[in-house]
N, C-alpha and C. Protein backbone atom coordinates (compact mmCIF):
# COMPACT_ATOMS: atom_id res chain seq x y z
N MET A 1 116.30 -202.48 -80.73
CA MET A 1 116.75 -201.43 -79.86
C MET A 1 115.62 -200.43 -79.59
N LEU A 2 114.55 -200.56 -80.25
CA LEU A 2 113.42 -199.66 -80.04
C LEU A 2 112.90 -199.82 -78.62
N GLY A 3 112.73 -198.71 -77.94
CA GLY A 3 112.25 -198.74 -76.58
C GLY A 3 113.36 -198.75 -75.54
N GLN A 4 114.62 -198.79 -75.95
CA GLN A 4 115.73 -198.82 -75.02
C GLN A 4 116.32 -197.43 -74.76
N GLU A 5 115.79 -196.39 -75.41
CA GLU A 5 116.37 -195.06 -75.31
C GLU A 5 116.44 -194.54 -73.87
N PRO A 6 115.37 -194.65 -73.07
CA PRO A 6 115.47 -194.14 -71.70
C PRO A 6 116.55 -194.84 -70.88
N VAL A 7 116.75 -196.12 -71.11
CA VAL A 7 117.78 -196.85 -70.38
C VAL A 7 119.16 -196.36 -70.80
N ILE A 8 119.37 -196.11 -72.07
CA ILE A 8 120.65 -195.64 -72.56
C ILE A 8 120.96 -194.25 -71.99
N VAL A 9 119.96 -193.39 -71.93
CA VAL A 9 120.14 -192.05 -71.39
C VAL A 9 120.54 -192.14 -69.92
N GLN A 10 119.89 -193.00 -69.15
CA GLN A 10 120.21 -193.16 -67.74
C GLN A 10 121.63 -193.68 -67.55
N VAL A 11 122.06 -194.59 -68.40
CA VAL A 11 123.42 -195.13 -68.31
C VAL A 11 124.44 -194.03 -68.62
N ILE A 12 124.18 -193.24 -69.64
CA ILE A 12 125.11 -192.16 -70.00
C ILE A 12 125.25 -191.18 -68.85
N ILE A 13 124.13 -190.71 -68.32
CA ILE A 13 124.17 -189.74 -67.22
C ILE A 13 124.84 -190.34 -65.99
N THR A 14 124.51 -191.58 -65.65
CA THR A 14 125.08 -192.21 -64.46
C THR A 14 126.58 -192.39 -64.59
N GLU A 15 127.02 -192.93 -65.71
CA GLU A 15 128.46 -193.18 -65.88
C GLU A 15 129.26 -191.89 -65.93
N LEU A 16 128.76 -190.88 -66.62
CA LEU A 16 129.50 -189.63 -66.73
C LEU A 16 129.46 -188.81 -65.44
N SER A 17 128.46 -189.02 -64.60
CA SER A 17 128.41 -188.27 -63.34
C SER A 17 129.12 -189.01 -62.21
N ASN A 18 129.34 -190.31 -62.35
CA ASN A 18 130.04 -191.06 -61.31
C ASN A 18 131.52 -190.69 -61.24
N ARG A 19 132.10 -190.33 -62.35
CA ARG A 19 133.54 -189.98 -62.35
C ARG A 19 133.83 -188.77 -61.47
N PRO A 20 133.12 -187.64 -61.65
CA PRO A 20 133.40 -186.51 -60.75
C PRO A 20 133.01 -186.79 -59.31
N LYS A 21 131.99 -187.62 -59.09
CA LYS A 21 131.57 -187.94 -57.72
C LYS A 21 132.64 -188.76 -57.01
N ALA A 22 133.29 -189.65 -57.76
CA ALA A 22 134.28 -190.54 -57.16
C ALA A 22 135.56 -189.80 -56.80
N THR A 23 135.98 -188.87 -57.64
CA THR A 23 137.23 -188.15 -57.39
C THR A 23 137.00 -186.65 -57.52
N PRO A 24 136.34 -186.05 -56.55
CA PRO A 24 136.11 -184.61 -56.64
C PRO A 24 137.41 -183.84 -56.41
N ARG A 25 137.57 -182.80 -57.17
CA ARG A 25 138.74 -181.94 -56.99
C ARG A 25 138.56 -181.14 -55.70
N PRO A 26 139.64 -180.82 -55.03
CA PRO A 26 139.53 -180.02 -53.80
C PRO A 26 138.91 -178.65 -54.11
N GLY A 27 137.88 -178.33 -53.39
CA GLY A 27 137.21 -177.04 -53.58
C GLY A 27 136.28 -177.00 -54.78
N ALA A 28 136.08 -178.12 -55.45
CA ALA A 28 135.21 -178.13 -56.63
C ALA A 28 133.75 -178.07 -56.20
N ASP A 29 132.96 -177.38 -56.99
CA ASP A 29 131.54 -177.25 -56.72
C ASP A 29 130.81 -178.46 -57.31
N ARG A 30 129.92 -179.06 -56.54
CA ARG A 30 129.22 -180.27 -57.00
C ARG A 30 128.11 -179.96 -58.00
N ILE A 31 127.85 -178.70 -58.25
CA ILE A 31 126.78 -178.34 -59.17
C ILE A 31 127.12 -178.70 -60.62
N HIS A 32 128.40 -178.86 -60.92
CA HIS A 32 128.83 -179.12 -62.30
C HIS A 32 129.02 -180.61 -62.60
N ILE A 33 128.52 -181.48 -61.75
CA ILE A 33 128.69 -182.93 -61.93
C ILE A 33 128.04 -183.40 -63.23
N TYR A 34 126.89 -182.86 -63.58
CA TYR A 34 126.13 -183.36 -64.73
C TYR A 34 126.42 -182.62 -66.03
N ASP A 35 127.34 -181.67 -66.03
CA ASP A 35 127.62 -180.88 -67.23
C ASP A 35 128.04 -181.73 -68.41
N THR A 36 129.00 -182.62 -68.21
CA THR A 36 129.51 -183.44 -69.31
C THR A 36 128.43 -184.35 -69.88
N GLY A 37 127.67 -184.98 -69.01
CA GLY A 37 126.60 -185.86 -69.48
C GLY A 37 125.56 -185.12 -70.30
N LEU A 38 125.20 -183.93 -69.86
CA LEU A 38 124.21 -183.15 -70.60
C LEU A 38 124.76 -182.66 -71.92
N GLN A 39 126.05 -182.36 -71.97
CA GLN A 39 126.66 -181.96 -73.24
C GLN A 39 126.69 -183.13 -74.23
N VAL A 40 126.96 -184.33 -73.73
CA VAL A 40 126.95 -185.52 -74.59
C VAL A 40 125.55 -185.77 -75.12
N LEU A 41 124.54 -185.66 -74.25
CA LEU A 41 123.16 -185.87 -74.70
C LEU A 41 122.72 -184.80 -75.69
N ALA A 42 123.15 -183.56 -75.50
CA ALA A 42 122.82 -182.50 -76.46
C ALA A 42 123.46 -182.79 -77.81
N ALA A 43 124.69 -183.28 -77.80
CA ALA A 43 125.36 -183.63 -79.05
C ALA A 43 124.65 -184.78 -79.75
N LEU A 44 124.23 -185.78 -78.98
CA LEU A 44 123.50 -186.91 -79.57
C LEU A 44 122.17 -186.44 -80.16
N LEU A 45 121.51 -185.51 -79.49
CA LEU A 45 120.26 -184.97 -80.01
C LEU A 45 120.48 -184.23 -81.32
N ALA A 46 121.56 -183.45 -81.39
CA ALA A 46 121.88 -182.72 -82.62
C ALA A 46 122.22 -183.68 -83.76
N VAL A 47 122.98 -184.73 -83.47
CA VAL A 47 123.31 -185.73 -84.49
C VAL A 47 122.04 -186.42 -84.97
N GLY A 48 121.15 -186.77 -84.05
CA GLY A 48 119.89 -187.40 -84.44
C GLY A 48 119.04 -186.50 -85.31
N PHE A 49 119.03 -185.21 -85.02
CA PHE A 49 118.28 -184.26 -85.83
C PHE A 49 118.84 -184.19 -87.25
N VAL A 50 120.14 -184.11 -87.36
CA VAL A 50 120.77 -184.05 -88.69
C VAL A 50 120.51 -185.34 -89.46
N LEU A 51 120.65 -186.47 -88.79
CA LEU A 51 120.41 -187.76 -89.47
C LEU A 51 118.96 -187.87 -89.92
N THR A 52 118.02 -187.37 -89.12
CA THR A 52 116.61 -187.39 -89.50
C THR A 52 116.39 -186.55 -90.75
N LEU A 53 117.05 -185.40 -90.82
CA LEU A 53 116.90 -184.55 -92.01
C LEU A 53 117.49 -185.23 -93.25
N LEU A 54 118.57 -185.99 -93.07
CA LEU A 54 119.20 -186.67 -94.20
C LEU A 54 118.39 -187.87 -94.69
N VAL A 55 117.67 -188.52 -93.79
CA VAL A 55 116.94 -189.73 -94.15
C VAL A 55 115.55 -189.43 -94.66
N ARG A 56 114.94 -188.37 -94.15
CA ARG A 56 113.57 -188.04 -94.51
C ARG A 56 113.47 -187.75 -96.00
N PRO A 57 112.48 -188.31 -96.68
CA PRO A 57 112.35 -188.07 -98.11
C PRO A 57 111.96 -186.60 -98.38
N ASN A 58 112.48 -186.10 -99.47
CA ASN A 58 112.19 -184.72 -99.86
C ASN A 58 110.86 -184.68 -100.60
N ILE A 59 109.87 -184.09 -99.96
CA ILE A 59 108.53 -184.03 -100.56
C ILE A 59 108.37 -182.65 -101.20
N GLY A 60 108.00 -182.66 -102.46
CA GLY A 60 107.74 -181.37 -103.10
C GLY A 60 108.37 -181.20 -104.41
């Protein structure tokens, strides 16, 4: 799976932004289409940071 991260990110953003594009609410602003995808990616980044801290050996 090494090297597949950019593809996974593109899939997440595309799939999560296609839903609001397909069925926009009446009067909805299109500026918020990517909000959910970015929140998911931020959560994944936070989980990765925590997992890195748990796996990294304690030096000292």
